[in-house]
Amino acid sequence: MLKPLGDRVIVSVEDEEEKTVGGIVLASNAKEKPTTGKVVAAGPGATNHHGDVVPLTVKVDDNVMFDKYSGTNVSYDGADYLVLHEKDLLAIVE
């Protein structure tokens, strides 16, 4: 598995529903970019100006909401992930 550095997290993105409420199937270019996913790996945290590591707020298995156009898409071992800084996370979904 990938191990993120610093304040980065790796998220497995949840695919959005491909149909509208009325049952119309959407083309891939018409779908909204997903904004929720599950944290599959988390770095140790950011280093502050004193050199201390500040641990992350999120942990593995948290469901999170993130900015629509943030992060970097990566493929690893046949799966697609999104690598984000913790600051790009908006909320933990409970």
C-alpha atoms as a PDB file:
ATOM      1  CA  MET A   1       0.000   0.000   0.000  1.00  0.00           C
ATOM      2  CA  LEU A   2       1.036   3.593  -0.484  1.00  0.00           C
ATOM      3  CA  LYS A   3       2.196   5.509   2.593  1.00  0.00           C
ATOM      4  CA  PRO A   4       1.573   9.261   2.398  1.00  0.00           C
ATOM      5  CA  LEU A   5       4.090  11.762   3.740  1.00  0.00           C
ATOM      6  CA  GLY A   6       3.486  14.766   5.982  1.00  0.00           C
ATOM      7  CA  ASP A   7      -0.106  15.968   6.199  1.00  0.00           C
ATOM      8  CA  ARG A   8      -1.312  14.028   3.152  1.00  0.00           C
ATOM      9  CA  VAL A   9      -4.060  11.426   3.104  1.00  0.00           C
ATOM     10  CA  ILE A  10      -4.975   8.854   0.465  1.00  0.00           C
ATOM     11  CA  VAL A  11      -8.688   8.584  -0.252  1.00  0.00           C
ATOM     12  CA  SER A  12     -10.607   5.908  -2.107  1.00  0.00           C
ATOM     13  CA  VAL A  13     -13.178   8.006  -3.957  1.00  0.00           C
ATOM     14  CA  GLU A  14     -16.817   6.910  -3.968  1.00  0.00           C
ATOM     15  CA  ASP A  15     -18.383   6.815  -7.412  1.00  0.00           C
ATOM     16  CA  GLU A  16     -21.441   8.989  -7.817  1.00  0.00           C
ATOM     17  CA  GLU A  17     -24.758   7.552  -8.976  1.00  0.00           C
ATOM     18  CA  GLU A  18     -24.904   7.334 -12.776  1.00  0.00           C
ATOM     19  CA  LYS A  19     -28.656   7.988 -12.998  1.00  0.00           C
ATOM     20  CA  THR A  20     -30.743  11.039 -12.222  1.00  0.00           C
ATOM     21  CA  VAL A  21     -33.800  10.876  -9.963  1.00  0.00           C
ATOM     22  CA  GLY A  22     -35.941  10.415 -13.074  1.00  0.00           C
ATOM     23  CA  GLY A  23     -33.878   7.407 -14.150  1.00  0.00           C
ATOM     24  CA  ILE A  24     -31.916   9.113 -16.949  1.00  0.00           C
ATOM     25  CA  VAL A  25     -28.440   7.639 -17.398  1.00  0.00           C
ATOM     26  CA  LEU A  26     -25.773  10.349 -17.436  1.00  0.00           C
ATOM     27  CA  ALA A  27     -22.791  10.395 -19.786  1.00  0.00           C
ATOM     28  CA  SER A  28     -19.429  10.322 -18.018  1.00  0.00           C
ATOM     29  CA  ASN A  29     -18.644  13.929 -19.004  1.00  0.00           C
ATOM     30  CA  ALA A  30     -21.977  15.153 -17.570  1.00  0.00           C
ATOM     31  CA  LYS A  31     -21.479  13.649 -14.112  1.00  0.00           C
ATOM     32  CA  GLU A  32     -20.306  15.766 -11.209  1.00  0.00           C
ATOM     33  CA  LYS A  33     -16.847  15.009  -9.855  1.00  0.00           C
ATOM     34  CA  PRO A  34     -17.184  12.995  -6.604  1.00  0.00           C
ATOM     35  CA  THR A  35     -16.538  14.865  -3.364  1.00  0.00           C
ATOM     36  CA  THR A  36     -16.656  12.067  -0.790  1.00  0.00           C
ATOM     37  CA  GLY A  37     -14.481   9.076  -0.078  1.00  0.00           C
ATOM     38  CA  LYS A  38     -12.883   6.845   2.526  1.00  0.00           C
ATOM     39  CA  VAL A  39      -9.414   7.458   3.976  1.00  0.00           C
ATOM     40  CA  VAL A  40      -7.269   4.394   3.221  1.00  0.00           C
ATOM     41  CA  ALA A  41      -3.935   5.816   4.441  1.00  0.00           C
ATOM     42  CA  ALA A  42      -2.812   8.869   6.399  1.00  0.00           C
ATOM     43  CA  GLY A  43       0.583  10.467   6.874  1.00  0.00           C
ATOM     44  CA  PRO A  44       2.113  11.216  10.279  1.00  0.00           C
ATOM     45  CA  GLY A  45       1.142  14.906  10.198  1.00  0.00           C
ATOM     46  CA  ALA A  46       2.590  18.282   9.342  1.00  0.00           C
ATOM     47  CA  THR A  47       5.713  19.706  10.966  1.00  0.00           C
ATOM     48  CA  ASN A  48       5.201  23.089  12.651  1.00  0.00           C
ATOM     49  CA  HIS A  49       7.765  25.889  12.835  1.00  0.00           C
ATOM     50  CA  HIS A  50       9.211  24.400  16.063  1.00  0.00           C
ATOM     51  CA  GLY A  51       9.918  21.086  14.315  1.00  0.00           C
ATOM     52  CA  ASP A  52       7.148  19.229  16.159  1.00  0.00           C
ATOM     53  CA  VAL A  53       4.845  16.887  14.234  1.00  0.00           C
ATOM     54  CA  VAL A  54       1.196  17.936  14.500  1.00  0.00           C
ATOM     55  CA  PRO A  55      -0.910  14.766  14.070  1.00  0.00           C
ATOM     56  CA  LEU A  56      -3.735  14.642  11.544  1.00  0.00           C
ATOM     57  CA  THR A  57      -7.363  15.045  12.582  1.00  0.00           C
ATOM     58  CA  VAL A  58      -8.532  12.238  10.284  1.00  0.00           C
ATOM     59  CA  LYS A  59      -7.643   8.567  10.524  1.00  0.00           C
ATOM     60  CA  VAL A  60      -7.865   5.489   8.315  1.00  0.00           C
ATOM     61  CA  ASP A  61     -11.482   4.371   7.617  1.00  0.00           C
ATOM     62  CA  ASP A  62     -12.935   7.876   8.144  1.00  0.00           C
ATOM     63  CA  ASN A  63     -15.445   8.908   5.479  1.00  0.00           C
ATOM     64  CA  VAL A  64     -14.528  12.411   4.376  1.00  0.00           C
ATOM     65  CA  MET A  65     -15.785  15.223   2.166  1.00  0.00           C
ATOM     66  CA  PHE A  66     -13.239  17.187   0.149  1.00  0.00           C
ATOM     67  CA  ASP A  67     -12.949  20.087  -2.309  1.00  0.00           C
ATOM     68  CA  LYS A  68     -14.223  19.132  -5.759  1.00  0.00           C
ATOM     69  CA  TYR A  69     -11.064  19.979  -7.711  1.00  0.00           C
ATOM     70  CA  SER A  70      -8.381  19.259  -5.130  1.00  0.00           C
ATOM     71  CA  GLY A  71      -5.815  16.518  -4.850  1.00  0.00           C
ATOM     72  CA  THR A  72      -3.883  14.369  -7.269  1.00  0.00           C
ATOM     73  CA  ASN A  73      -5.329  11.266  -8.898  1.00  0.00           C
ATOM     74  CA  VAL A  74      -3.065   8.207  -8.696  1.00  0.00           C
ATOM     75  CA  SER A  75      -3.416   4.572  -9.730  1.00  0.00           C
ATOM     76  CA  TYR A  76      -1.744   1.880  -7.672  1.00  0.00           C
ATOM     77  CA  ASP A  77      -2.084  -1.877  -7.867  1.00  0.00           C
ATOM     78  CA  GLY A  78      -5.119  -1.645 -10.150  1.00  0.00           C
ATOM     79  CA  ALA A  79      -7.080   0.820  -7.993  1.00  0.00           C
ATOM     80  CA  ASP A  80      -7.596   4.585  -8.312  1.00  0.00           C
ATOM     81  CA  TYR A  81      -6.984   6.921  -5.371  1.00  0.00           C
ATOM     82  CA  LEU A  82      -6.883  10.628  -4.619  1.00  0.00           C
ATOM     83  CA  VAL A  83      -3.946  12.077  -2.643  1.00  0.00           C
ATOM     84  CA  LEU A  84      -4.929  15.202  -0.682  1.00  0.00           C
ATOM     85  CA  HIS A  85      -3.473  17.543   1.912  1.00  0.00           C
ATOM     86  CA  GLU A  86      -5.498  17.563   5.118  1.00  0.00           C
ATOM     87  CA  LYS A  87      -6.343  21.239   4.482  1.00  0.00           C
ATOM     88  CA  ASP A  88      -8.311  20.145   1.375  1.00  0.00           C
ATOM     89  CA  LEU A  89     -10.654  18.038   3.507  1.00  0.00           C
ATOM     90  CA  LEU A  90     -13.882  19.801   4.404  1.00  0.00           C
ATOM     91  CA  ALA A  91     -15.494  17.417   6.890  1.00  0.00           C
ATOM     92  CA  ILE A  92     -15.624  13.940   8.369  1.00  0.00           C
ATOM     93  CA  VAL A  93     -18.941  12.327   7.369  1.00  0.00           C
ATOM     94  CA  GLU A  94     -20.506  10.437  10.269  1.00  0.00           C
END
